[in-house]
Amino acid sequence: MQNPTHCPKCSSDQIYEYASIWTCPMCSHEFTNSEHDLNLTTEAQVGQQITDAHGNELHDGDSVTVIKDLKVKGSSSSIKVGTKVKNIRLVDSSDGHNIGCKIDGFGQMNLKSEFVKKA
């Protein structure tokens, strides 16, 4: 199998391999050699559309705003209304938490799209 030289999503040549998954730092697209060879797209691009609380479609790299105070399990504080989260990542999760992000003061966590609006 030949190693890819460009990202299949944005055609950037700045890709790198980590744990047998290729990643593009320009668009955050992750793919395998077989996906690149077959020119497949990710599941988030094809079938499943993730929308915010107001019905706006979300994409990787979007910024969102929290619309409800969210209690954080294992923490005495909560994420307040109006907290802006930049550079989200759409993830496939069975528990409904379909947004991966990093929130200042809390770190990496997953959110449900029903509690955010597109900024």
PDB file of N, CA and C in Angstrom:
ATOM      1  N   MET A   1       0.837  -1.179   0.000  1.00  0.00           N
ATOM      2  CA  MET A   1       0.000   0.000   0.000  1.00  0.00           C
ATOM      3  C   MET A   1       0.879   1.239   0.000  1.00  0.00           C
ATOM      4  N   GLN A   2       0.565   2.178  -0.804  1.00  0.00           N
ATOM      5  CA  GLN A   2       1.358   3.388  -0.947  1.00  0.00           C
ATOM      6  C   GLN A   2       0.899   4.442   0.055  1.00  0.00           C
ATOM      7  N   ASN A   3       1.874   5.141   0.652  1.00  0.00           N
ATOM      8  CA  ASN A   3       1.528   6.194   1.604  1.00  0.00           C
ATOM      9  C   ASN A   3       0.951   7.398   0.867  1.00  0.00           C
ATOM     10  N   PRO A   4      -0.084   8.002   1.414  1.00  0.00           N
ATOM     11  CA  PRO A   4      -0.683   9.176   0.767  1.00  0.00           C
ATOM     12  C   PRO A   4       0.253  10.379   0.855  1.00  0.00           C
ATOM     13  N   THR A   5       0.111  11.286  -0.080  1.00  0.00           N
ATOM     14  CA  THR A   5       0.934  12.496  -0.077  1.00  0.00           C
ATOM     15  C   THR A   5       0.094  13.743   0.120  1.00  0.00           C
ATOM     16  N   HIS A   6      -1.222  13.624   0.000  1.00  0.00           N
ATOM     17  CA  HIS A   6      -2.128  14.763   0.152  1.00  0.00           C
ATOM     18  C   HIS A   6      -3.381  14.343   0.916  1.00  0.00           C
ATOM     19  N   CYS A   7      -3.986  15.298   1.585  1.00  0.00           N
ATOM     20  CA  CYS A   7      -5.246  15.072   2.284  1.00  0.00           C
ATOM     21  C   CYS A   7      -6.371  14.919   1.256  1.00  0.00           C
ATOM     22  N   PRO A   8      -7.216  13.887   1.384  1.00  0.00           N
ATOM     23  CA  PRO A   8      -8.307  13.724   0.417  1.00  0.00           C
ATOM     24  C   PRO A   8      -9.406  14.776   0.558  1.00  0.00           C
ATOM     25  N   LYS A   9      -9.450  15.476   1.692  1.00  0.00           N
ATOM     26  CA  LYS A   9     -10.497  16.471   1.913  1.00  0.00           C
ATOM     27  C   LYS A   9     -10.096  17.848   1.386  1.00  0.00           C
ATOM     28  N   CYS A  10      -8.877  18.314   1.771  1.00  0.00           N
ATOM     29  CA  CYS A  10      -8.483  19.680   1.395  1.00  0.00           C
ATOM     30  C   CYS A  10      -7.262  19.736   0.485  1.00  0.00           C
ATOM     31  N   SER A  11      -6.693  18.597   0.149  1.00  0.00           N
ATOM     32  CA  SER A  11      -5.529  18.472  -0.738  1.00  0.00           C
ATOM     33  C   SER A  11      -4.249  19.073  -0.174  1.00  0.00           C
ATOM     34  N   SER A  12      -4.178  19.273   1.133  1.00  0.00           N
ATOM     35  CA  SER A  12      -2.965  19.786   1.761  1.00  0.00           C
ATOM     36  C   SER A  12      -1.890  18.702   1.747  1.00  0.00           C
ATOM     37  N   ASP A  13      -0.640  19.111   1.580  1.00  0.00           N
ATOM     38  CA  ASP A  13       0.458  18.149   1.599  1.00  0.00           C
ATOM     39  C   ASP A  13       1.134  18.074   2.973  1.00  0.00           C
ATOM     40  N   GLN A  14       0.561  18.710   3.987  1.00  0.00           N
ATOM     41  CA  GLN A  14       1.138  18.761   5.325  1.00  0.00           C
ATOM     42  C   GLN A  14       0.536  17.703   6.234  1.00  0.00           C
ATOM     43  N   ILE A  15       0.416  16.472   5.753  1.00  0.00           N
ATOM     44  CA  ILE A  15      -0.196  15.407   6.538  1.00  0.00           C
ATOM     45  C   ILE A  15       0.869  14.646   7.316  1.00  0.00           C
ATOM     46  N   TYR A  16       0.456  13.990   8.397  1.00  0.00           N
ATOM     47  CA  TYR A  16       1.371  13.168   9.175  1.00  0.00           C
ATOM     48  C   TYR A  16       0.649  11.930   9.677  1.00  0.00           C
ATOM     49  N   GLU A  17       1.438  10.908   9.986  1.00  0.00           N
ATOM     50  CA  GLU A  17       0.872   9.642  10.435  1.00  0.00           C
ATOM     51  C   GLU A  17       1.094   9.483  11.929  1.00  0.00           C
ATOM     52  N   TYR A  18       0.039   9.034  12.626  1.00  0.00           N
ATOM     53  CA  TYR A  18       0.130   8.736  14.043  1.00  0.00           C
ATOM     54  C   TYR A  18      -0.735   7.521  14.324  1.00  0.00           C
ATOM     55  N   ALA A  19      -0.115   6.457  14.804  1.00  0.00           N
ATOM     56  CA  ALA A  19      -0.814   5.216  15.135  1.00  0.00           C
ATOM     57  C   ALA A  19      -1.641   4.692  13.955  1.00  0.00           C
ATOM     58  N   SER A  20      -1.047   4.633  12.801  1.00  0.00           N
ATOM     59  CA  SER A  20      -1.623   4.124  11.554  1.00  0.00           C
ATOM     60  C   SER A  20      -2.805   4.939  11.028  1.00  0.00           C
ATOM     61  N   ILE A  21      -2.996   6.137  11.561  1.00  0.00           N
ATOM     62  CA  ILE A  21      -4.026   7.047  11.047  1.00  0.00           C
ATOM     63  C   ILE A  21      -3.332   8.308  10.561  1.00  0.00           C
ATOM     64  N   TRP A  22      -3.667   8.719   9.361  1.00  0.00           N
ATOM     65  CA  TRP A  22      -3.111   9.947   8.798  1.00  0.00           C
ATOM     66  C   TRP A  22      -3.982  11.124   9.220  1.00  0.00           C
ATOM     67  N   THR A  23      -3.344  12.241   9.562  1.00  0.00           N
ATOM     68  CA  THR A  23      -4.059  13.421  10.031  1.00  0.00           C
ATOM     69  C   THR A  23      -3.595  14.642   9.256  1.00  0.00           C
ATOM     70  N   CYS A  24      -4.535  15.488   8.896  1.00  0.00           N
ATOM     71  CA  CYS A  24      -4.238  16.748   8.225  1.00  0.00           C
ATOM     72  C   CYS A  24      -4.405  17.872   9.244  1.00  0.00           C
ATOM     73  N   PRO A  25      -3.333  18.596   9.587  1.00  0.00           N
ATOM     74  CA  PRO A  25      -3.461  19.679  10.559  1.00  0.00           C
ATOM     75  C   PRO A  25      -4.206  20.896  10.005  1.00  0.00           C
ATOM     76  N   MET A  26      -4.377  20.988   8.714  1.00  0.00           N
ATOM     77  CA  MET A  26      -5.046  22.133   8.107  1.00  0.00           C
ATOM     78  C   MET A  26      -6.572  22.050   8.272  1.00  0.00           C
ATOM     79  N   CYS A  27      -7.145  20.851   8.094  1.00  0.00           N
ATOM     80  CA  CYS A  27      -8.601  20.714   8.170  1.00  0.00           C
ATOM     81  C   CYS A  27      -9.051  19.717   9.240  1.00  0.00           C
ATOM     82  N   SER A  28      -8.111  19.126   9.978  1.00  0.00           N
ATOM     83  CA  SER A  28      -8.380  18.150  11.050  1.00  0.00           C
ATOM     84  C   SER A  28      -9.001  16.857  10.537  1.00  0.00           C
ATOM     85  N   HIS A  29      -8.851  16.572   9.271  1.00  0.00           N
ATOM     86  CA  HIS A  29      -9.394  15.337   8.692  1.00  0.00           C
ATOM     87  C   HIS A  29      -8.463  14.185   9.040  1.00  0.00           C
ATOM     88  N   GLU A  30      -9.032  13.067   9.506  1.00  0.00           N
ATOM     89  CA  GLU A  30      -8.274  11.867   9.805  1.00  0.00           C
ATOM     90  C   GLU A  30      -8.694  10.775   8.831  1.00  0.00           C
ATOM     91  N   PHE A  31      -7.708  10.030   8.306  1.00  0.00           N
ATOM     92  CA  PHE A  31      -8.020   8.994   7.337  1.00  0.00           C
ATOM     93  C   PHE A  31      -6.962   7.905   7.388  1.00  0.00           C
ATOM     94  N   THR A  32      -7.298   6.746   6.832  1.00  0.00           N
ATOM     95  CA  THR A  32      -6.370   5.631   6.749  1.00  0.00           C
ATOM     96  C   THR A  32      -5.884   5.501   5.313  1.00  0.00           C
ATOM     97  N   ASN A  33      -4.887   4.644   5.107  1.00  0.00           N
ATOM     98  CA  ASN A  33      -4.388   4.417   3.758  1.00  0.00           C
ATOM     99  C   ASN A  33      -5.487   3.891   2.851  1.00  0.00           C
ATOM    100  N   SER A  34      -6.313   2.976   3.350  1.00  0.00           N
ATOM    101  CA  SER A  34      -7.365   2.405   2.509  1.00  0.00           C
ATOM    102  C   SER A  34      -8.402   3.455   2.123  1.00  0.00           C
ATOM    103  N   GLU A  35      -8.720   4.375   3.038  1.00  0.00           N
ATOM    104  CA  GLU A  35      -9.647   5.462   2.702  1.00  0.00           C
ATOM    105  C   GLU A  35      -9.055   6.344   1.611  1.00  0.00           C
ATOM    106  N   HIS A  36      -7.772   6.606   1.730  1.00  0.00           N
ATOM    107  CA  HIS A  36      -7.126   7.460   0.729  1.00  0.00           C
ATOM    108  C   HIS A  36      -7.097   6.765  -0.620  1.00  0.00           C
ATOM    109  N   ASP A  37      -6.752   5.473  -0.627  1.00  0.00           N
ATOM    110  CA  ASP A  37      -6.675   4.730  -1.880  1.00  0.00           C
ATOM    111  C   ASP A  37      -8.027   4.602  -2.563  1.00  0.00           C
ATOM    112  N   LEU A  38      -9.083   4.424  -1.761  1.00  0.00           N
ATOM    113  CA  LEU A  38     -10.419   4.290  -2.333  1.00  0.00           C
ATOM    114  C   LEU A  38     -11.130   5.621  -2.479  1.00  0.00           C
ATOM    115  N   ASN A  39     -10.484   6.699  -1.996  1.00  0.00           N
ATOM    116  CA  ASN A  39     -11.043   8.048  -2.045  1.00  0.00           C
ATOM    117  C   ASN A  39     -12.394   8.117  -1.327  1.00  0.00           C
ATOM    118  N   LEU A  40     -12.451   7.463  -0.138  1.00  0.00           N
ATOM    119  CA  LEU A  40     -13.653   7.501   0.669  1.00  0.00           C
ATOM    120  C   LEU A  40     -13.661   8.760   1.512  1.00  0.00           C
ATOM    121  N   THR A  41     -14.830   9.135   1.975  1.00  0.00           N
ATOM    122  CA  THR A  41     -14.943  10.271   2.878  1.00  0.00           C
ATOM    123  C   THR A  41     -15.371   9.784   4.244  1.00  0.00           C
ATOM    124  N   THR A  42     -15.226  10.595   5.260  1.00  0.00           N
ATOM    125  CA  THR A  42     -15.567  10.179   6.610  1.00  0.00           C
ATOM    126  C   THR A  42     -17.075  10.094   6.791  1.00  0.00           C
ATOM    127  N   GLU A  43     -17.495   9.370   7.789  1.00  0.00           N
ATOM    128  CA  GLU A  43     -18.913   9.179   8.073  1.00  0.00           C
ATOM    129  C   GLU A  43     -19.615  10.500   8.360  1.00  0.00           C
ATOM    130  N   ALA A  44     -18.927  11.416   9.006  1.00  0.00           N
ATOM    131  CA  ALA A  44     -19.525  12.714   9.333  1.00  0.00           C
ATOM    132  C   ALA A  44     -19.826  13.509   8.065  1.00  0.00           C
ATOM    133  N   GLN A  45     -19.043  13.291   6.998  1.00  0.00           N
ATOM    134  CA  GLN A  45     -19.260  14.031   5.766  1.00  0.00           C
ATOM    135  C   GLN A  45     -20.387  13.423   4.945  1.00  0.00           C
ATOM    136  N   VAL A  46     -20.566  12.122   5.020  1.00  0.00           N
ATOM    137  CA  VAL A  46     -21.502  11.448   4.139  1.00  0.00           C
ATOM    138  C   VAL A  46     -22.924  11.443   4.664  1.00  0.00           C
ATOM    139  N   GLY A  47     -23.181  10.690   5.718  1.00  0.00           N
ATOM    140  CA  GLY A  47     -24.557  10.458   6.091  1.00  0.00           C
ATOM    141  C   GLY A  47     -25.072  11.283   7.239  1.00  0.00           C
ATOM    142  N   GLN A  48     -24.351  11.321   8.295  1.00  0.00           N
ATOM    143  CA  GLN A  48     -24.855  11.902   9.523  1.00  0.00           C
ATOM    144  C   GLN A  48     -24.594  13.410   9.569  1.00  0.00           C
ATOM    145  N   GLN A  49     -25.640  14.186   9.648  1.00  0.00           N
ATOM    146  CA  GLN A  49     -25.517  15.625   9.798  1.00  0.00           C
ATOM    147  C   GLN A  49     -25.796  15.965  11.250  1.00  0.00           C
ATOM    148  N   ILE A  50     -24.867  16.677  11.867  1.00  0.00           N
ATOM    149  CA  ILE A  50     -25.031  17.072  13.257  1.00  0.00           C
ATOM    150  C   ILE A  50     -25.444  18.535  13.273  1.00  0.00           C
ATOM    151  N   THR A  51     -26.540  18.816  13.982  1.00  0.00           N
ATOM    152  CA  THR A  51     -27.058  20.178  14.032  1.00  0.00           C
ATOM    153  C   THR A  51     -27.045  20.694  15.463  1.00  0.00           C
ATOM    154  N   ASP A  52     -27.023  22.026  15.589  1.00  0.00           N
ATOM    155  CA  ASP A  52     -27.050  22.644  16.914  1.00  0.00           C
ATOM    156  C   ASP A  52     -28.497  22.740  17.401  1.00  0.00           C
ATOM    157  N   ALA A  53     -28.713  23.429  18.516  1.00  0.00           N
ATOM    158  CA  ALA A  53     -30.046  23.543  19.111  1.00  0.00           C
ATOM    159  C   ALA A  53     -31.038  24.281  18.212  1.00  0.00           C
ATOM    160  N   HIS A  54     -30.548  25.085  17.284  1.00  0.00           N
ATOM    161  CA  HIS A  54     -31.414  25.862  16.399  1.00  0.00           C
ATOM    162  C   HIS A  54     -31.517  25.272  14.996  1.00  0.00           C
ATOM    163  N   GLY A  55     -30.928  24.100  14.781  1.00  0.00           N
ATOM    164  CA  GLY A  55     -31.032  23.430  13.498  1.00  0.00           C
ATOM    165  C   GLY A  55     -29.955  23.771  12.501  1.00  0.00           C
ATOM    166  N   ASN A  56     -28.945  24.556  12.886  1.00  0.00           N
ATOM    167  CA  ASN A  56     -27.841  24.878  11.988  1.00  0.00           C
ATOM    168  C   ASN A  56     -26.876  23.706  11.923  1.00  0.00           C
ATOM    169  N   GLU A  57     -26.426  23.361  10.720  1.00  0.00           N
ATOM    170  CA  GLU A  57     -25.511  22.242  10.554  1.00  0.00           C
ATOM    171  C   GLU A  57     -24.120  22.609  11.083  1.00  0.00           C
ATOM    172  N   LEU A  58     -23.518  21.697  11.833  1.00  0.00           N
ATOM    173  CA  LEU A  58     -22.188  21.921  12.396  1.00  0.00           C
ATOM    174  C   LEU A  58     -21.146  21.167  11.586  1.00  0.00           C
ATOM    175  N   HIS A  59     -19.941  21.730  11.522  1.00  0.00           N
ATOM    176  CA  HIS A  59     -18.813  21.129  10.815  1.00  0.00           C
ATOM    177  C   HIS A  59     -17.581  21.168  11.711  1.00  0.00           C
ATOM    178  N   ASP A  60     -16.614  20.317  11.414  1.00  0.00           N
ATOM    179  CA  ASP A  60     -15.341  20.360  12.137  1.00  0.00           C
ATOM    180  C   ASP A  60     -14.730  21.746  12.006  1.00  0.00           C
ATOM    181  N   GLY A  61     -14.208  22.272  13.121  1.00  0.00           N
ATOM    182  CA  GLY A  61     -13.554  23.571  13.116  1.00  0.00           C
ATOM    183  C   GLY A  61     -14.465  24.742  13.417  1.00  0.00           C
ATOM    184  N   ASP A  62     -15.773  24.506  13.514  1.00  0.00           N
ATOM    185  CA  ASP A  62     -16.716  25.586  13.840  1.00  0.00           C
ATOM    186  C   ASP A  62     -16.524  26.051  15.278  1.00  0.00           C
ATOM    187  N   SER A  63     -17.050  27.222  15.574  1.00  0.00           N
ATOM    188  CA  SER A  63     -17.118  27.729  16.940  1.00  0.00           C
ATOM    189  C   SER A  63     -18.572  27.692  17.382  1.00  0.00           C
ATOM    190  N   VAL A  64     -18.788  27.306  18.642  1.00  0.00           N
ATOM    191  CA  VAL A  64     -20.139  27.223  19.180  1.00  0.00           C
ATOM    192  C   VAL A  64     -20.193  27.926  20.527  1.00  0.00           C
ATOM    193  N   THR A  65     -21.412  28.258  20.957  1.00  0.00           N
ATOM    194  CA  THR A  65     -21.652  28.880  22.247  1.00  0.00           C
ATOM    195  C   THR A  65     -22.599  27.996  23.042  1.00  0.00           C
ATOM    196  N   VAL A  66     -22.292  27.781  24.315  1.00  0.00           N
ATOM    197  CA  VAL A  66     -23.125  26.957  25.192  1.00  0.00           C
ATOM    198  C   VAL A  66     -24.386  27.749  25.544  1.00  0.00           C
ATOM    199  N   ILE A  67     -25.576  27.114  25.450  1.00  0.00           N
ATOM    200  CA  ILE A  67     -26.836  27.821  25.676  1.00  0.00           C
ATOM    201  C   ILE A  67     -27.496  27.458  27.003  1.00  0.00           C
ATOM    202  N   LYS A  68     -26.841  26.615  27.802  1.00  0.00           N
ATOM    203  CA  LYS A  68     -27.409  26.178  29.074  1.00  0.00           C
ATOM    204  C   LYS A  68     -26.258  25.868  30.025  1.00  0.00           C
ATOM    205  N   ASP A  69     -26.420  26.179  31.315  1.00  0.00           N
ATOM    206  CA  ASP A  69     -25.407  25.784  32.294  1.00  0.00           C
ATOM    207  C   ASP A  69     -25.288  24.265  32.279  1.00  0.00           C
ATOM    208  N   LEU A  70     -24.051  23.778  32.153  1.00  0.00           N
ATOM    209  CA  LEU A  70     -23.820  22.343  32.089  1.00  0.00           C
ATOM    210  C   LEU A  70     -22.981  21.897  33.276  1.00  0.00           C
ATOM    211  N   LYS A  71     -23.517  20.994  34.062  1.00  0.00           N
ATOM    212  CA  LYS A  71     -22.760  20.444  35.185  1.00  0.00           C
ATOM    213  C   LYS A  71     -21.710  19.485  34.637  1.00  0.00           C
ATOM    214  N   VAL A  72     -20.510  19.551  35.199  1.00  0.00           N
ATOM    215  CA  VAL A  72     -19.422  18.682  34.772  1.00  0.00           C
ATOM    216  C   VAL A  72     -19.253  17.593  35.826  1.00  0.00           C
ATOM    217  N   LYS A  73     -19.358  16.366  35.383  1.00  0.00           N
ATOM    218  CA  LYS A  73     -19.253  15.237  36.301  1.00  0.00           C
ATOM    219  C   LYS A  73     -17.859  15.217  36.934  1.00  0.00           C
ATOM    220  N   GLY A  74     -17.800  15.098  38.247  1.00  0.00           N
ATOM    221  CA  GLY A  74     -16.531  15.041  38.945  1.00  0.00           C
ATOM    222  C   GLY A  74     -15.917  16.390  39.249  1.00  0.00           C
ATOM    223  N   SER A  75     -16.653  17.462  38.984  1.00  0.00           N
ATOM    224  CA  SER A  75     -16.154  18.808  39.238  1.00  0.00           C
ATOM    225  C   SER A  75     -17.192  19.591  40.025  1.00  0.00           C
ATOM    226  N   SER A  76     -16.715  20.508  40.859  1.00  0.00           N
ATOM    227  CA  SER A  76     -17.661  21.310  41.639  1.00  0.00           C
ATOM    228  C   SER A  76     -18.175  22.507  40.847  1.00  0.00           C
ATOM    229  N   SER A  77     -17.530  22.822  39.726  1.00  0.00           N
ATOM    230  CA  SER A  77     -17.969  23.955  38.914  1.00  0.00           C
ATOM    231  C   SER A  77     -18.718  23.461  37.680  1.00  0.00           C
ATOM    232  N   SER A  78     -19.329  24.403  36.970  1.00  0.00           N
ATOM    233  CA  SER A  78     -20.077  24.044  35.768  1.00  0.00           C
ATOM    234  C   SER A  78     -19.679  24.965  34.622  1.00  0.00           C
ATOM    235  N   ILE A  79     -20.034  24.545  33.417  1.00  0.00           N
ATOM    236  CA  ILE A  79     -19.797  25.369  32.226  1.00  0.00           C
ATOM    237  C   ILE A  79     -20.978  26.329  32.127  1.00  0.00           C
ATOM    238  N   LYS A  80     -20.703  27.610  32.127  1.00  0.00           N
ATOM    239  CA  LYS A  80     -21.744  28.643  32.187  1.00  0.00           C
ATOM    240  C   LYS A  80     -22.326  28.941  30.804  1.00  0.00           C
ATOM    241  N   VAL A  81     -23.535  29.463  30.801  1.00  0.00           N
ATOM    242  CA  VAL A  81     -24.187  29.915  29.579  1.00  0.00           C
ATOM    243  C   VAL A  81     -23.308  30.978  28.922  1.00  0.00           C
ATOM    244  N   GLY A  82     -23.172  30.911  27.617  1.00  0.00           N
ATOM    245  CA  GLY A  82     -22.407  31.905  26.888  1.00  0.00           C
ATOM    246  C   GLY A  82     -20.949  31.550  26.699  1.00  0.00           C
ATOM    247  N   THR A  83     -20.497  30.429  27.258  1.00  0.00           N
ATOM    248  CA  THR A  83     -19.115  30.002  27.064  1.00  0.00           C
ATOM    249  C   THR A  83     -18.902  29.673  25.602  1.00  0.00           C
ATOM    250  N   LYS A  84     -17.883  30.294  25.001  1.00  0.00           N
ATOM    251  CA  LYS A  84     -17.596  30.067  23.583  1.00  0.00           C
ATOM    252  C   LYS A  84     -16.550  28.972  23.462  1.00  0.00           C
ATOM    253  N   VAL A  85     -16.824  28.019  22.598  1.00  0.00           N
ATOM    254  CA  VAL A  85     -15.932  26.900  22.354  1.00  0.00           C
ATOM    255  C   VAL A  85     -15.487  26.979  20.906  1.00  0.00           C
ATOM    256  N   LYS A  86     -14.175  27.067  20.691  1.00  0.00           N
ATOM    257  CA  LYS A  86     -13.631  27.208  19.343  1.00  0.00           C
ATOM    258  C   LYS A  86     -13.106  25.875  18.837  1.00  0.00           C
ATOM    259  N   ASN A  87     -13.096  25.731  17.535  1.00  0.00           N
ATOM    260  CA  ASN A  87     -12.478  24.596  16.845  1.00  0.00           C
ATOM    261  C   ASN A  87     -13.018  23.255  17.338  1.00  0.00           C
ATOM    262  N   ILE A  88     -14.327  23.048  17.189  1.00  0.00           N
ATOM    263  CA  ILE A  88     -14.933  21.793  17.617  1.00  0.00           C
ATOM    264  C   ILE A  88     -14.574  20.666  16.652  1.00  0.00           C
ATOM    265  N   ARG A  89     -14.761  19.449  17.117  1.00  0.00           N
ATOM    266  CA  ARG A  89     -14.495  18.268  16.329  1.00  0.00           C
ATOM    267  C   ARG A  89     -15.727  17.381  16.459  1.00  0.00           C
ATOM    268  N   LEU A  90     -16.299  16.965  15.348  1.00  0.00           N
ATOM    269  CA  LEU A  90     -17.477  16.100  15.372  1.00  0.00           C
ATOM    270  C   LEU A  90     -17.022  14.663  15.558  1.00  0.00           C
ATOM    271  N   VAL A  91     -17.620  13.978  16.529  1.00  0.00           N
ATOM    272  CA  VAL A  91     -17.236  12.607  16.839  1.00  0.00           C
ATOM    273  C   VAL A  91     -18.471  11.714  16.785  1.00  0.00           C
ATOM    274  N   ASP A  92     -18.240  10.445  16.529  1.00  0.00           N
ATOM    275  CA  ASP A  92     -19.329   9.467  16.504  1.00  0.00           C
ATOM    276  C   ASP A  92     -19.365   8.792  17.861  1.00  0.00           C
ATOM    277  N   SER A  93     -20.420   9.019  18.605  1.00  0.00           N
ATOM    278  CA  SER A  93     -20.523   8.479  19.946  1.00  0.00           C
ATOM    279  C   SER A  93     -21.910   7.893  20.166  1.00  0.00           C
ATOM    280  N   SER A  94     -21.958   6.784  20.863  1.00  0.00           N
ATOM    281  CA  SER A  94     -23.242   6.127  21.102  1.00  0.00           C
ATOM    282  C   SER A  94     -24.026   6.766  22.250  1.00  0.00           C
ATOM    283  N   ASP A  95     -23.365   7.590  23.075  1.00  0.00           N
ATOM    284  CA  ASP A  95     -24.052   8.182  24.222  1.00  0.00           C
ATOM    285  C   ASP A  95     -24.607   9.573  23.947  1.00  0.00           C
ATOM    286  N   GLY A  96     -24.551  10.039  22.704  1.00  0.00           N
ATOM    287  CA  GLY A  96     -25.140  11.324  22.349  1.00  0.00           C
ATOM    288  C   GLY A  96     -24.195  12.506  22.425  1.00  0.00           C
ATOM    289  N   HIS A  97     -23.021  12.328  22.997  1.00  0.00           N
ATOM    290  CA  HIS A  97     -22.023  13.395  23.060  1.00  0.00           C
ATOM    291  C   HIS A  97     -21.273  13.392  21.728  1.00  0.00           C
ATOM    292  N   ASN A  98     -21.722  14.217  20.790  1.00  0.00           N
ATOM    293  CA  ASN A  98     -21.193  14.158  19.437  1.00  0.00           C
ATOM    294  C   ASN A  98     -20.267  15.314  19.064  1.00  0.00           C
ATOM    295  N   ILE A  99     -19.847  16.124  20.037  1.00  0.00           N
ATOM    296  CA  ILE A  99     -18.905  17.205  19.788  1.00  0.00           C
ATOM    297  C   ILE A  99     -17.720  17.021  20.725  1.00  0.00           C
ATOM    298  N   GLY A 100     -16.537  16.901  20.155  1.00  0.00           N
ATOM    299  CA  GLY A 100     -15.310  16.854  20.942  1.00  0.00           C
ATOM    300  C   GLY A 100     -14.694  18.245  20.922  1.00  0.00           C
ATOM    301  N   CYS A 101     -14.233  18.730  22.094  1.00  0.00           N
ATOM    302  CA  CYS A 101     -13.689  20.080  22.151  1.00  0.00           C
ATOM    303  C   CYS A 101     -12.772  20.235  23.352  1.00  0.00           C
ATOM    304  N   LYS A 102     -12.127  21.375  23.414  1.00  0.00           N
ATOM    305  CA  LYS A 102     -11.302  21.738  24.558  1.00  0.00           C
ATOM    306  C   LYS A 102     -11.862  23.038  25.112  1.00  0.00           C
ATOM    307  N   ILE A 103     -12.215  23.030  26.399  1.00  0.00           N
ATOM    308  CA  ILE A 103     -12.796  24.206  27.037  1.00  0.00           C
ATOM    309  C   ILE A 103     -11.805  24.734  28.061  1.00  0.00           C
ATOM    310  N   ASP A 104     -11.510  26.032  27.990  1.00  0.00           N
ATOM    311  CA  ASP A 104     -10.586  26.648  28.929  1.00  0.00           C
ATOM    312  C   ASP A 104     -11.079  26.441  30.353  1.00  0.00           C
ATOM    313  N   GLY A 105     -10.191  25.989  31.211  1.00  0.00           N
ATOM    314  CA  GLY A 105     -10.534  25.748  32.601  1.00  0.00           C
ATOM    315  C   GLY A 105     -11.052  24.352  32.884  1.00  0.00           C
ATOM    316  N   PHE A 106     -11.410  23.599  31.828  1.00  0.00           N
ATOM    317  CA  PHE A 106     -11.926  22.240  32.006  1.00  0.00           C
ATOM    318  C   PHE A 106     -11.109  21.211  31.239  1.00  0.00           C
ATOM    319  N   GLY A 107     -10.541  21.584  30.101  1.00  0.00           N
ATOM    320  CA  GLY A 107      -9.765  20.657  29.282  1.00  0.00           C
ATOM    321  C   GLY A 107     -10.615  19.970  28.229  1.00  0.00           C
ATOM    322  N   GLN A 108     -10.128  18.794  27.765  1.00  0.00           N
ATOM    323  CA  GLN A 108     -10.810  18.022  26.734  1.00  0.00           C
ATOM    324  C   GLN A 108     -12.115  17.463  27.278  1.00  0.00           C
ATOM    325  N   MET A 109     -13.166  17.570  26.507  1.00  0.00           N
ATOM    326  CA  MET A 109     -14.439  16.960  26.881  1.00  0.00           C
ATOM    327  C   MET A 109     -15.340  16.846  25.662  1.00  0.00           C
ATOM    328  N   ASN A 110     -16.409  16.100  25.833  1.00  0.00           N
ATOM    329  CA  ASN A 110     -17.414  15.933  24.790  1.00  0.00           C
ATOM    330  C   ASN A 110     -18.696  16.613  25.232  1.00  0.00           C
ATOM    331  N   LEU A 111     -19.391  17.230  24.255  1.00  0.00           N
ATOM    332  CA  LEU A 111     -20.651  17.916  24.518  1.00  0.00           C
ATOM    333  C   LEU A 111     -21.738  17.332  23.611  1.00  0.00           C
ATOM    334  N   LYS A 112     -22.968  17.537  24.007  1.00  0.00           N
ATOM    335  CA  LYS A 112     -24.101  17.186  23.156  1.00  0.00           C
ATOM    336  C   LYS A 112     -24.448  18.408  22.322  1.00  0.00           C
ATOM    337  N   SER A 113     -24.741  18.189  21.052  1.00  0.00           N
ATOM    338  CA  SER A 113     -25.018  19.293  20.144  1.00  0.00           C
ATOM    339  C   SER A 113     -26.315  20.027  20.494  1.00  0.00           C
ATOM    340  N   GLU A 114     -27.187  19.416  21.247  1.00  0.00           N
ATOM    341  CA  GLU A 114     -28.460  20.054  21.607  1.00  0.00           C
ATOM    342  C   GLU A 114     -28.285  21.187  22.634  1.00  0.00           C
ATOM    343  N   PHE A 115     -27.095  21.300  23.233  1.00  0.00           N
ATOM    344  CA  PHE A 115     -26.851  22.338  24.234  1.00  0.00           C
ATOM    345  C   PHE A 115     -25.932  23.438  23.724  1.00  0.00           C
ATOM    346  N   VAL A 116     -25.729  23.513  22.413  1.00  0.00           N
ATOM    347  CA  VAL A 116     -24.874  24.567  21.845  1.00  0.00           C
ATOM    348  C   VAL A 116     -25.580  25.218  20.656  1.00  0.00           C
ATOM    349  N   LYS A 117     -25.123  26.424  20.327  1.00  0.00           N
ATOM    350  CA  LYS A 117     -25.570  27.077  19.098  1.00  0.00           C
ATOM    351  C   LYS A 117     -24.330  27.528  18.340  1.00  0.00           C
ATOM    352  N   LYS A 118     -24.439  27.536  17.038  1.00  0.00           N
ATOM    353  CA  LYS A 118     -23.321  27.928  16.195  1.00  0.00           C
ATOM    354  C   LYS A 118     -23.023  29.402  16.399  1.00  0.00           C
ATOM    355  N   ALA A 119     -21.757  29.721  16.580  1.00  0.00           N
ATOM    356  CA  ALA A 119     -21.371  31.119  16.840  1.00  0.00           C
ATOM    357  C   ALA A 119     -21.104  31.857  15.547  1.00  0.00           C
TER     358      ALA A 119
END
